[in-house]
Amino acid sequence: MSDATASSGPLTVAVHASLIGATWDFGDGSRTDSGDLGQAYPAGSDVQHVYQTDTYGLPSGYTISGLLRYVVTYSVNGGPWQQLGVKTKAYSRSYSVFQIQPVAVGGQ
């Protein structure tokens, strides 16, 4: 995330936010914590989940959510960085899980 800077009169304030962790809820009762956002498919990632059931009876699918945690610091006029605290940002979306089942068909 890029730093933000704002000035007014003689003051210039810079703000920096660093991701310190994420909590993932996969919508089926399973959760995991990670120190980062993981990697986009097809790359290997430490954020993974295997669903045990599909979303056949759920028209909107599972609701997947992520709670991102940031430590926020600020500096006034180029002075020392001060901690503002930990802030969170929630994201969610629907996700459908489909299941493929083989069917044996007799030969003729």
PDB file of N, CA and C in Angstrom:
ATOM      1  N   MET A   1       0.840  -1.161   0.000  1.00  0.00           N
ATOM      2  CA  MET A   1       0.000   0.000   0.000  1.00  0.00           C
ATOM      3  C   MET A   1       0.893   1.234   0.000  1.00  0.00           C
ATOM      4  N   SER A   2       0.549   2.203  -0.815  1.00  0.00           N
ATOM      5  CA  SER A   2       1.337   3.427  -0.922  1.00  0.00           C
ATOM      6  C   SER A   2       1.099   4.330   0.279  1.00  0.00           C
ATOM      7  N   ASP A   3       2.137   5.087   0.631  1.00  0.00           N
ATOM      8  CA  ASP A   3       1.989   6.093   1.677  1.00  0.00           C
ATOM      9  C   ASP A   3       1.081   7.206   1.171  1.00  0.00           C
ATOM     10  N   ALA A   4       0.402   7.862   2.109  1.00  0.00           N
ATOM     11  CA  ALA A   4      -0.419   9.023   1.777  1.00  0.00           C
ATOM     12  C   ALA A   4       0.181  10.235   2.471  1.00  0.00           C
ATOM     13  N   THR A   5       0.162  11.381   1.792  1.00  0.00           N
ATOM     14  CA  THR A   5       0.713  12.616   2.343  1.00  0.00           C
ATOM     15  C   THR A   5      -0.288  13.733   2.123  1.00  0.00           C
ATOM     16  N   ALA A   6      -0.449  14.578   3.149  1.00  0.00           N
ATOM     17  CA  ALA A   6      -1.325  15.740   3.037  1.00  0.00           C
ATOM     18  C   ALA A   6      -0.645  16.921   3.725  1.00  0.00           C
ATOM     19  N   SER A   7      -0.829  18.098   3.151  1.00  0.00           N
ATOM     20  CA  SER A   7      -0.237  19.309   3.716  1.00  0.00           C
ATOM     21  C   SER A   7      -1.306  20.366   3.922  1.00  0.00           C
ATOM     22  N   SER A   8      -1.118  21.145   4.977  1.00  0.00           N
ATOM     23  CA  SER A   8      -1.975  22.288   5.252  1.00  0.00           C
ATOM     24  C   SER A   8      -1.138  23.291   6.029  1.00  0.00           C
ATOM     25  N   GLY A   9      -0.952  24.458   5.440  1.00  0.00           N
ATOM     26  CA  GLY A   9      -0.110  25.454   6.095  1.00  0.00           C
ATOM     27  C   GLY A   9       1.289  24.902   6.296  1.00  0.00           C
ATOM     28  N   PRO A  10       1.835  25.029   7.504  1.00  0.00           N
ATOM     29  CA  PRO A  10       3.203  24.574   7.753  1.00  0.00           C
ATOM     30  C   PRO A  10       3.322  23.077   8.050  1.00  0.00           C
ATOM     31  N   LEU A  11       2.185  22.347   8.081  1.00  0.00           N
ATOM     32  CA  LEU A  11       2.225  20.927   8.454  1.00  0.00           C
ATOM     33  C   LEU A  11       2.115  20.017   7.237  1.00  0.00           C
ATOM     34  N   THR A  12       2.942  18.992   7.232  1.00  0.00           N
ATOM     35  CA  THR A  12       2.837  17.918   6.257  1.00  0.00           C
ATOM     36  C   THR A  12       2.799  16.616   7.039  1.00  0.00           C
ATOM     37  N   VAL A  13       1.761  15.837   6.805  1.00  0.00           N
ATOM     38  CA  VAL A  13       1.589  14.566   7.514  1.00  0.00           C
ATOM     39  C   VAL A  13       1.653  13.435   6.497  1.00  0.00           C
ATOM     40  N   ALA A  14       2.491  12.458   6.788  1.00  0.00           N
ATOM     41  CA  ALA A  14       2.596  11.246   5.966  1.00  0.00           C
ATOM     42  C   ALA A  14       2.032  10.087   6.778  1.00  0.00           C
ATOM     43  N   VAL A  15       1.290   9.218   6.111  1.00  0.00           N
ATOM     44  CA  VAL A  15       0.675   8.058   6.763  1.00  0.00           C
ATOM     45  C   VAL A  15       1.090   6.811   6.004  1.00  0.00           C
ATOM     46  N   HIS A  16       1.427   5.755   6.753  1.00  0.00           N
ATOM     47  CA  HIS A  16       1.846   4.485   6.156  1.00  0.00           C
ATOM     48  C   HIS A  16       1.067   3.351   6.819  1.00  0.00           C
ATOM     49  N   ALA A  17       0.575   2.420   6.019  1.00  0.00           N
ATOM     50  CA  ALA A  17      -0.125   1.243   6.538  1.00  0.00           C
ATOM     51  C   ALA A  17       0.582  -0.002   6.033  1.00  0.00           C
ATOM     52  N   SER A  18       0.874  -0.937   6.952  1.00  0.00           N
ATOM     53  CA  SER A  18       1.530  -2.205   6.598  1.00  0.00           C
ATOM     54  C   SER A  18       0.637  -3.363   6.994  1.00  0.00           C
ATOM     55  N   LEU A  19       0.410  -4.271   6.050  1.00  0.00           N
ATOM     56  CA  LEU A  19      -0.388  -5.460   6.343  1.00  0.00           C
ATOM     57  C   LEU A  19       0.344  -6.324   7.358  1.00  0.00           C
ATOM     58  N   ILE A  20      -0.334  -6.685   8.440  1.00  0.00           N
ATOM     59  CA  ILE A  20       0.291  -7.534   9.455  1.00  0.00           C
ATOM     60  C   ILE A  20      -0.393  -8.887   9.586  1.00  0.00           C
ATOM     61  N   GLY A  21      -1.525  -9.083   8.911  1.00  0.00           N
ATOM     62  CA  GLY A  21      -2.182 -10.376   8.981  1.00  0.00           C
ATOM     63  C   GLY A  21      -3.553 -10.346   8.352  1.00  0.00           C
ATOM     64  N   ALA A  22      -4.093 -11.539   8.144  1.00  0.00           N
ATOM     65  CA  ALA A  22      -5.425 -11.687   7.565  1.00  0.00           C
ATOM     66  C   ALA A  22      -6.103 -12.897   8.182  1.00  0.00           C
ATOM     67  N   THR A  23      -7.394 -12.778   8.411  1.00  0.00           N
ATOM     68  CA  THR A  23      -8.209 -13.899   8.855  1.00  0.00           C
ATOM     69  C   THR A  23      -9.188 -14.211   7.733  1.00  0.00           C
ATOM     70  N   TRP A  24      -9.191 -15.464   7.298  1.00  0.00           N
ATOM     71  CA  TRP A  24     -10.043 -15.896   6.193  1.00  0.00           C
ATOM     72  C   TRP A  24     -11.161 -16.774   6.729  1.00  0.00           C
ATOM     73  N   ASP A  25     -12.400 -16.504   6.311  1.00  0.00           N
ATOM     74  CA  ASP A  25     -13.560 -17.321   6.641  1.00  0.00           C
ATOM     75  C   ASP A  25     -14.080 -17.859   5.319  1.00  0.00           C
ATOM     76  N   PHE A  26     -14.093 -19.182   5.163  1.00  0.00           N
ATOM     77  CA  PHE A  26     -14.430 -19.797   3.882  1.00  0.00           C
ATOM     78  C   PHE A  26     -15.919 -20.056   3.697  1.00  0.00           C
ATOM     79  N   GLY A  27     -16.750 -19.659   4.672  1.00  0.00           N
ATOM     80  CA  GLY A  27     -18.193 -19.733   4.515  1.00  0.00           C
ATOM     81  C   GLY A  27     -18.829 -21.052   4.897  1.00  0.00           C
ATOM     82  N   ASP A  28     -18.019 -22.059   5.187  1.00  0.00           N
ATOM     83  CA  ASP A  28     -18.551 -23.367   5.562  1.00  0.00           C
ATOM     84  C   ASP A  28     -18.181 -23.725   7.002  1.00  0.00           C
ATOM     85  N   GLY A  29     -17.813 -22.721   7.791  1.00  0.00           N
ATOM     86  CA  GLY A  29     -17.420 -22.954   9.184  1.00  0.00           C
ATOM     87  C   GLY A  29     -15.922 -23.081   9.367  1.00  0.00           C
ATOM     88  N   SER A  30     -15.166 -23.052   8.298  1.00  0.00           N
ATOM     89  CA  SER A  30     -13.711 -23.182   8.369  1.00  0.00           C
ATOM     90  C   SER A  30     -13.058 -21.806   8.277  1.00  0.00           C
ATOM     91  N   ARG A  31     -12.052 -21.580   9.135  1.00  0.00           N
ATOM     92  CA  ARG A  31     -11.311 -20.315   9.150  1.00  0.00           C
ATOM     93  C   ARG A  31      -9.824 -20.596   9.250  1.00  0.00           C
ATOM     94  N   THR A  32      -9.030 -19.602   8.827  1.00  0.00           N
ATOM     95  CA  THR A  32      -7.587 -19.689   8.989  1.00  0.00           C
ATOM     96  C   THR A  32      -7.004 -18.282   9.100  1.00  0.00           C
ATOM     97  N   ASP A  33      -5.903 -18.177   9.806  1.00  0.00           N
ATOM     98  CA  ASP A  33      -5.161 -16.919   9.911  1.00  0.00           C
ATOM     99  C   ASP A  33      -3.882 -17.040   9.100  1.00  0.00           C
ATOM    100  N   SER A  34      -3.489 -15.941   8.473  1.00  0.00           N
ATOM    101  CA  SER A  34      -2.236 -15.937   7.728  1.00  0.00           C
ATOM    102  C   SER A  34      -1.562 -14.583   7.908  1.00  0.00           C
ATOM    103  N   GLY A  35      -0.289 -14.550   7.637  1.00  0.00           N
ATOM    104  CA  GLY A  35       0.466 -13.313   7.752  1.00  0.00           C
ATOM    105  C   GLY A  35       0.447 -12.489   6.488  1.00  0.00           C
ATOM    106  N   ASP A  36      -0.157 -13.038   5.431  1.00  0.00           N
ATOM    107  CA  ASP A  36      -0.206 -12.305   4.167  1.00  0.00           C
ATOM    108  C   ASP A  36      -1.484 -12.654   3.426  1.00  0.00           C
ATOM    109  N   LEU A  37      -1.581 -12.205   2.198  1.00  0.00           N
ATOM    110  CA  LEU A  37      -2.783 -12.444   1.399  1.00  0.00           C
ATOM    111  C   LEU A  37      -2.745 -13.758   0.636  1.00  0.00           C
ATOM    112  N   GLY A  38      -1.643 -14.476   0.712  1.00  0.00           N
ATOM    113  CA  GLY A  38      -1.519 -15.695  -0.071  1.00  0.00           C
ATOM    114  C   GLY A  38      -1.136 -15.352  -1.506  1.00  0.00           C
ATOM    115  N   GLN A  39      -1.218 -16.333  -2.387  1.00  0.00           N
ATOM    116  CA  GLN A  39      -0.851 -16.163  -3.799  1.00  0.00           C
ATOM    117  C   GLN A  39      -2.042 -16.506  -4.682  1.00  0.00           C
ATOM    118  N   ALA A  40      -2.147 -15.825  -5.794  1.00  0.00           N
ATOM    119  CA  ALA A  40      -3.225 -16.093  -6.748  1.00  0.00           C
ATOM    120  C   ALA A  40      -2.984 -17.426  -7.450  1.00  0.00           C
ATOM    121  N   TYR A  41      -4.065 -18.156  -7.724  1.00  0.00           N
ATOM    122  CA  TYR A  41      -3.993 -19.403  -8.486  1.00  0.00           C
ATOM    123  C   TYR A  41      -3.385 -19.094  -9.848  1.00  0.00           C
ATOM    124  N   PRO A  42      -2.531 -19.895 -10.383  1.00  0.00           N
ATOM    125  CA  PRO A  42      -2.182 -21.257 -10.006  1.00  0.00           C
ATOM    126  C   PRO A  42      -0.950 -21.375  -9.104  1.00  0.00           C
ATOM    127  N   ALA A  43      -0.394 -20.271  -8.650  1.00  0.00           N
ATOM    128  CA  ALA A  43       0.786 -20.344  -7.773  1.00  0.00           C
ATOM    129  C   ALA A  43       0.412 -21.018  -6.452  1.00  0.00           C
ATOM    130  N   GLY A  44       1.364 -21.707  -5.842  1.00  0.00           N
ATOM    131  CA  GLY A  44       1.135 -22.317  -4.538  1.00  0.00           C
ATOM    132  C   GLY A  44       0.962 -21.246  -3.483  1.00  0.00           C
ATOM    133  N   SER A  45       0.125 -21.493  -2.493  1.00  0.00           N
ATOM    134  CA  SER A  45      -0.160 -20.496  -1.474  1.00  0.00           C
ATOM    135  C   SER A  45      -0.357 -21.161  -0.124  1.00  0.00           C
ATOM    136  N   ASP A  46      -0.053 -20.420   0.944  1.00  0.00           N
ATOM    137  CA  ASP A  46      -0.312 -20.953   2.280  1.00  0.00           C
ATOM    138  C   ASP A  46      -1.770 -20.738   2.688  1.00  0.00           C
ATOM    139  N   VAL A  47      -2.537 -19.967   1.901  1.00  0.00           N
ATOM    140  CA  VAL A  47      -3.968 -19.803   2.152  1.00  0.00           C
ATOM    141  C   VAL A  47      -4.692 -20.760   1.212  1.00  0.00           C
ATOM    142  N   GLN A  48      -5.193 -21.866   1.785  1.00  0.00           N
ATOM    143  CA  GLN A  48      -5.858 -22.896   0.993  1.00  0.00           C
ATOM    144  C   GLN A  48      -7.038 -23.454   1.770  1.00  0.00           C
ATOM    145  N   HIS A  49      -8.026 -23.986   1.022  1.00  0.00           N
ATOM    146  CA  HIS A  49      -9.162 -24.643   1.659  1.00  0.00           C
ATOM    147  C   HIS A  49      -9.762 -25.642   0.686  1.00  0.00           C
ATOM    148  N   VAL A  50     -10.119 -26.821   1.171  1.00  0.00           N
ATOM    149  CA  VAL A  50     -10.794 -27.833   0.368  1.00  0.00           C
ATOM    150  C   VAL A  50     -12.208 -27.972   0.920  1.00  0.00           C
ATOM    151  N   TYR A  51     -13.190 -27.694   0.081  1.00  0.00           N
ATOM    152  CA  TYR A  51     -14.583 -27.812   0.503  1.00  0.00           C
ATOM    153  C   TYR A  51     -15.010 -29.270   0.514  1.00  0.00           C
ATOM    154  N   GLN A  52     -15.798 -29.635   1.514  1.00  0.00           N
ATOM    155  CA  GLN A  52     -16.292 -31.000   1.633  1.00  0.00           C
ATOM    156  C   GLN A  52     -17.665 -31.164   0.997  1.00  0.00           C
ATOM    157  N   THR A  53     -18.382 -30.063   0.775  1.00  0.00           N
ATOM    158  CA  THR A  53     -19.696 -30.109   0.143  1.00  0.00           C
ATOM    159  C   THR A  53     -19.791 -28.999  -0.893  1.00  0.00           C
ATOM    160  N   ASP A  54     -20.659 -29.225  -1.866  1.00  0.00           N
ATOM    161  CA  ASP A  54     -20.852 -28.197  -2.882  1.00  0.00           C
ATOM    162  C   ASP A  54     -21.934 -27.210  -2.428  1.00  0.00           C
ATOM    163  N   THR A  55     -22.272 -26.277  -3.292  1.00  0.00           N
ATOM    164  CA  THR A  55     -23.262 -25.259  -2.945  1.00  0.00           C
ATOM    165  C   THR A  55     -24.565 -25.478  -3.708  1.00  0.00           C
ATOM    166  N   TYR A  56     -24.878 -26.740  -4.009  1.00  0.00           N
ATOM    167  CA  TYR A  56     -26.091 -27.073  -4.770  1.00  0.00           C
ATOM    168  C   TYR A  56     -27.342 -26.460  -4.139  1.00  0.00           C
ATOM    169  N   GLY A  57     -27.504 -26.527  -2.834  1.00  0.00           N
ATOM    170  CA  GLY A  57     -28.687 -25.997  -2.160  1.00  0.00           C
ATOM    171  C   GLY A  57     -28.566 -24.543  -1.744  1.00  0.00           C
ATOM    172  N   LEU A  58     -27.472 -23.917  -2.089  1.00  0.00           N
ATOM    173  CA  LEU A  58     -27.245 -22.519  -1.722  1.00  0.00           C
ATOM    174  C   LEU A  58     -27.155 -21.685  -2.998  1.00  0.00           C
ATOM    175  N   PRO A  59     -28.245 -21.061  -3.424  1.00  0.00           N
ATOM    176  CA  PRO A  59     -28.232 -20.324  -4.697  1.00  0.00           C
ATOM    177  C   PRO A  59     -27.148 -19.253  -4.788  1.00  0.00           C
ATOM    178  N   SER A  60     -26.784 -18.637  -3.671  1.00  0.00           N
ATOM    179  CA  SER A  60     -25.752 -17.600  -3.690  1.00  0.00           C
ATOM    180  C   SER A  60     -24.367 -18.143  -3.379  1.00  0.00           C
ATOM    181  N   GLY A  61     -24.246 -19.442  -3.148  1.00  0.00           N
ATOM    182  CA  GLY A  61     -22.956 -20.034  -2.818  1.00  0.00           C
ATOM    183  C   GLY A  61     -22.550 -19.738  -1.389  1.00  0.00           C
ATOM    184  N   TYR A  62     -21.297 -19.996  -1.073  1.00  0.00           N
ATOM    185  CA  TYR A  62     -20.743 -19.669   0.235  1.00  0.00           C
ATOM    186  C   TYR A  62     -20.353 -18.192   0.242  1.00  0.00           C
ATOM    187  N   THR A  63     -20.429 -17.569   1.404  1.00  0.00           N
ATOM    188  CA  THR A  63     -19.926 -16.205   1.546  1.00  0.00           C
ATOM    189  C   THR A  63     -18.521 -16.292   2.106  1.00  0.00           C
ATOM    190  N   ILE A  64     -17.549 -15.931   1.279  1.00  0.00           N
ATOM    191  CA  ILE A  64     -16.141 -15.953   1.659  1.00  0.00           C
ATOM    192  C   ILE A  64     -15.790 -14.565   2.182  1.00  0.00           C
ATOM    193  N   SER A  65     -15.067 -14.495   3.306  1.00  0.00           N
ATOM    194  CA  SER A  65     -14.693 -13.174   3.802  1.00  0.00           C
ATOM    195  C   SER A  65     -13.248 -13.175   4.282  1.00  0.00           C
ATOM    196  N   GLY A  66     -12.662 -12.018   4.187  1.00  0.00           N
ATOM    197  CA  GLY A  66     -11.305 -11.801   4.670  1.00  0.00           C
ATOM    198  C   GLY A  66     -11.269 -10.542   5.516  1.00  0.00           C
ATOM    199  N   LEU A  67     -10.651 -10.631   6.678  1.00  0.00           N
ATOM    200  CA  LEU A  67     -10.467  -9.471   7.538  1.00  0.00           C
ATOM    201  C   LEU A  67      -8.979  -9.161   7.551  1.00  0.00           C
ATOM    202  N   LEU A  68      -8.601  -8.051   6.927  1.00  0.00           N
ATOM    203  CA  LEU A  68      -7.199  -7.670   6.821  1.00  0.00           C
ATOM    204  C   LEU A  68      -6.848  -6.728   7.967  1.00  0.00           C
ATOM    205  N   ARG A  69      -5.664  -6.949   8.560  1.00  0.00           N
ATOM    206  CA  ARG A  69      -5.208  -6.127   9.677  1.00  0.00           C
ATOM    207  C   ARG A  69      -3.962  -5.351   9.264  1.00  0.00           C
ATOM    208  N   TYR A  70      -3.993  -4.044   9.504  1.00  0.00           N
ATOM    209  CA  TYR A  70      -2.893  -3.155   9.156  1.00  0.00           C
ATOM    210  C   TYR A  70      -2.410  -2.423  10.402  1.00  0.00           C
ATOM    211  N   VAL A  71      -1.104  -2.239  10.535  1.00  0.00           N
ATOM    212  CA  VAL A  71      -0.576  -1.326  11.531  1.00  0.00           C
ATOM    213  C   VAL A  71      -0.341  -0.003  10.802  1.00  0.00           C
ATOM    214  N   VAL A  72      -0.868   1.077  11.379  1.00  0.00           N
ATOM    215  CA  VAL A  72      -0.820   2.385  10.732  1.00  0.00           C
ATOM    216  C   VAL A  72       0.108   3.298  11.527  1.00  0.00           C
ATOM    217  N   THR A  73       1.027   3.950  10.823  1.00  0.00           N
ATOM    218  CA  THR A  73       1.945   4.896  11.450  1.00  0.00           C
ATOM    219  C   THR A  73       1.865   6.231  10.700  1.00  0.00           C
ATOM    220  N   TYR A  74       2.297   7.291  11.382  1.00  0.00           N
ATOM    221  CA  TYR A  74       2.284   8.598  10.750  1.00  0.00           C
ATOM    222  C   TYR A  74       3.520   9.397  11.164  1.00  0.00           C
ATOM    223  N   SER A  75       3.848  10.383  10.348  1.00  0.00           N
ATOM    224  CA  SER A  75       4.981  11.266  10.600  1.00  0.00           C
ATOM    225  C   SER A  75       4.555  12.698  10.278  1.00  0.00           C
ATOM    226  N   VAL A  76       4.947  13.630  11.117  1.00  0.00           N
ATOM    227  CA  VAL A  76       4.627  15.046  10.903  1.00  0.00           C
ATOM    228  C   VAL A  76       5.910  15.785  10.546  1.00  0.00           C
ATOM    229  N   ASN A  77       5.874  16.461   9.401  1.00  0.00           N
ATOM    230  CA  ASN A  77       7.014  17.256   8.915  1.00  0.00           C
ATOM    231  C   ASN A  77       8.319  16.464   8.883  1.00  0.00           C
ATOM    232  N   GLY A  78       8.252  15.204   8.485  1.00  0.00           N
ATOM    233  CA  GLY A  78       9.456  14.381   8.360  1.00  0.00           C
ATOM    234  C   GLY A  78      10.024  13.906   9.683  1.00  0.00           C
ATOM    235  N   GLY A  79       9.289  14.085  10.757  1.00  0.00           N
ATOM    236  CA  GLY A  79       9.756  13.668  12.077  1.00  0.00           C
ATOM    237  C   GLY A  79       9.650  12.162  12.263  1.00  0.00           C
ATOM    238  N   PRO A  80       9.843  11.687  13.490  1.00  0.00           N
ATOM    239  CA  PRO A  80       9.807  10.245  13.749  1.00  0.00           C
ATOM    240  C   PRO A  80       8.409   9.670  13.492  1.00  0.00           C
ATOM    241  N   TRP A  81       8.394   8.430  13.080  1.00  0.00           N
ATOM    242  CA  TRP A  81       7.131   7.740  12.837  1.00  0.00           C
ATOM    243  C   TRP A  81       6.507   7.362  14.177  1.00  0.00           C
ATOM    244  N   GLN A  82       5.208   7.639  14.293  1.00  0.00           N
ATOM    245  CA  GLN A  82       4.437   7.328  15.491  1.00  0.00           C
ATOM    246  C   GLN A  82       3.363   6.311  15.128  1.00  0.00           C
ATOM    247  N   GLN A  83       3.094   5.379  16.030  1.00  0.00           N
ATOM    248  CA  GLN A  83       2.071   4.378  15.742  1.00  0.00           C
ATOM    249  C   GLN A  83       0.687   4.949  16.020  1.00  0.00           C
ATOM    250  N   LEU A  84      -0.191   4.802  15.047  1.00  0.00           N
ATOM    251  CA  LEU A  84      -1.574   5.251  15.177  1.00  0.00           C
ATOM    252  C   LEU A  84      -2.455   4.118  15.693  1.00  0.00           C
ATOM    253  N   GLY A  85      -2.037   2.883  15.437  1.00  0.00           N
ATOM    254  CA  GLY A  85      -2.799   1.732  15.910  1.00  0.00           C
ATOM    255  C   GLY A  85      -2.994   0.702  14.814  1.00  0.00           C
ATOM    256  N   VAL A  86      -3.774  -0.318  15.141  1.00  0.00           N
ATOM    257  CA  VAL A  86      -4.098  -1.378  14.190  1.00  0.00           C
ATOM    258  C   VAL A  86      -5.500  -1.114  13.661  1.00  0.00           C
ATOM    259  N   LYS A  87      -5.624  -1.096  12.360  1.00  0.00           N
ATOM    260  CA  LYS A  87      -6.908  -0.882  11.709  1.00  0.00           C
ATOM    261  C   LYS A  87      -7.254  -2.125  10.906  1.00  0.00           C
ATOM    262  N   THR A  88      -8.546  -2.373  10.725  1.00  0.00           N
ATOM    263  CA  THR A  88      -8.989  -3.549   9.968  1.00  0.00           C
ATOM    264  C   THR A  88      -9.844  -3.120   8.782  1.00  0.00           C
ATOM    265  N   LYS A  89      -9.861  -3.976   7.773  1.00  0.00           N
ATOM    266  CA  LYS A  89     -10.680  -3.770   6.585  1.00  0.00           C
ATOM    267  C   LYS A  89     -11.253  -5.122   6.187  1.00  0.00           C
ATOM    268  N   ALA A  90     -12.578  -5.196   6.093  1.00  0.00           N
ATOM    269  CA  ALA A  90     -13.255  -6.455   5.758  1.00  0.00           C
ATOM    270  C   ALA A  90     -13.647  -6.482   4.280  1.00  0.00           C
ATOM    271  N   TYR A  91     -13.526  -7.657   3.691  1.00  0.00           N
ATOM    272  CA  TYR A  91     -13.943  -7.896   2.316  1.00  0.00           C
ATOM    273  C   TYR A  91     -14.756  -9.186   2.294  1.00  0.00           C
ATOM    274  N   SER A  92     -15.722  -9.291   1.370  1.00  0.00           N
ATOM    275  CA  SER A  92     -16.469 -10.546   1.226  1.00  0.00           C
ATOM    276  C   SER A  92     -17.004 -10.659  -0.191  1.00  0.00           C
ATOM    277  N   ARG A  93     -17.313 -11.898  -0.564  1.00  0.00           N
ATOM    278  CA  ARG A  93     -17.910 -12.170  -1.865  1.00  0.00           C
ATOM    279  C   ARG A  93     -18.530 -13.553  -1.838  1.00  0.00           C
ATOM    280  N   SER A  94     -19.410 -13.807  -2.772  1.00  0.00           N
ATOM    281  CA  SER A  94     -20.033 -15.126  -2.897  1.00  0.00           C
ATOM    282  C   SER A  94     -19.141 -16.028  -3.734  1.00  0.00           C
ATOM    283  N   TYR A  95     -19.173 -17.319  -3.397  1.00  0.00           N
ATOM    284  CA  TYR A  95     -18.335 -18.282  -4.114  1.00  0.00           C
ATOM    285  C   TYR A  95     -19.104 -19.587  -4.252  1.00  0.00           C
ATOM    286  N   SER A  96     -19.307 -20.030  -5.481  1.00  0.00           N
ATOM    287  CA  SER A  96     -20.013 -21.286  -5.731  1.00  0.00           C
ATOM    288  C   SER A  96     -19.021 -22.428  -5.866  1.00  0.00           C
ATOM    289  N   VAL A  97     -19.360 -23.561  -5.259  1.00  0.00           N
ATOM    290  CA  VAL A  97     -18.524 -24.761  -5.322  1.00  0.00           C
ATOM    291  C   VAL A  97     -19.311 -25.825  -6.080  1.00  0.00           C
ATOM    292  N   PHE A  98     -18.735 -26.321  -7.162  1.00  0.00           N
ATOM    293  CA  PHE A  98     -19.385 -27.341  -7.969  1.00  0.00           C
ATOM    294  C   PHE A  98     -18.675 -28.673  -7.787  1.00  0.00           C
ATOM    295  N   GLN A  99     -19.430 -29.728  -7.918  1.00  0.00           N
ATOM    296  CA  GLN A  99     -18.904 -31.070  -7.701  1.00  0.00           C
ATOM    297  C   GLN A  99     -19.061 -31.873  -8.990  1.00  0.00           C
ATOM    298  N   ILE A 100     -18.031 -32.598  -9.343  1.00  0.00           N
ATOM    299  CA  ILE A 100     -18.099 -33.474 -10.510  1.00  0.00           C
ATOM    300  C   ILE A 100     -18.116 -34.913 -10.007  1.00  0.00           C
ATOM    301  N   GLN A 101     -19.082 -35.688 -10.485  1.00  0.00           N
ATOM    302  CA  GLN A 101     -19.190 -37.092 -10.094  1.00  0.00           C
ATOM    303  C   GLN A 101     -19.156 -37.965 -11.329  1.00  0.00           C
ATOM    304  N   PRO A 102     -18.281 -38.952 -11.330  1.00  0.00           N
ATOM    305  CA  PRO A 102     -18.252 -39.864 -12.478  1.00  0.00           C
ATOM    306  C   PRO A 102     -19.483 -40.769 -12.462  1.00  0.00           C
ATOM    307  N   VAL A 103     -19.941 -41.122 -13.649  1.00  0.00           N
ATOM    308  CA  VAL A 103     -21.092 -42.008 -13.776  1.00  0.00           C
ATOM    309  C   VAL A 103     -20.664 -43.185 -14.644  1.00  0.00           C
ATOM    310  N   ALA A 104     -20.864 -44.397 -14.132  1.00  0.00           N
ATOM    311  CA  ALA A 104     -20.532 -45.591 -14.905  1.00  0.00           C
ATOM    312  C   ALA A 104     -21.655 -45.873 -15.904  1.00  0.00           C
ATOM    313  N   VAL A 105     -21.266 -46.072 -17.155  1.00  0.00           N
ATOM    314  CA  VAL A 105     -22.225 -46.359 -18.201  1.00  0.00           C
ATOM    315  C   VAL A 105     -21.858 -47.692 -18.818  1.00  0.00           C
ATOM    316  N   GLY A 106     -22.826 -48.589 -18.863  1.00  0.00           N
ATOM    317  CA  GLY A 106     -22.555 -49.915 -19.407  1.00  0.00           C
ATOM    318  C   GLY A 106     -22.249 -49.873 -20.895  1.00  0.00           C
ATOM    319  N   GLY A 107     -21.303 -50.720 -21.340  1.00  0.00           N
ATOM    320  CA  GLY A 107     -20.944 -50.780 -22.751  1.00  0.00           C
ATOM    321  C   GLY A 107     -21.963 -51.545 -23.551  1.00  0.00           C
ATOM    322  N   GLN A 108     -22.047 -51.309 -24.809  1.00  0.00           N
ATOM    323  CA  GLN A 108     -23.011 -51.984 -25.671  1.00  0.00           C
ATOM    324  C   GLN A 108     -22.338 -52.951 -26.569  1.00  0.00           C
TER     325      GLN A 108
END
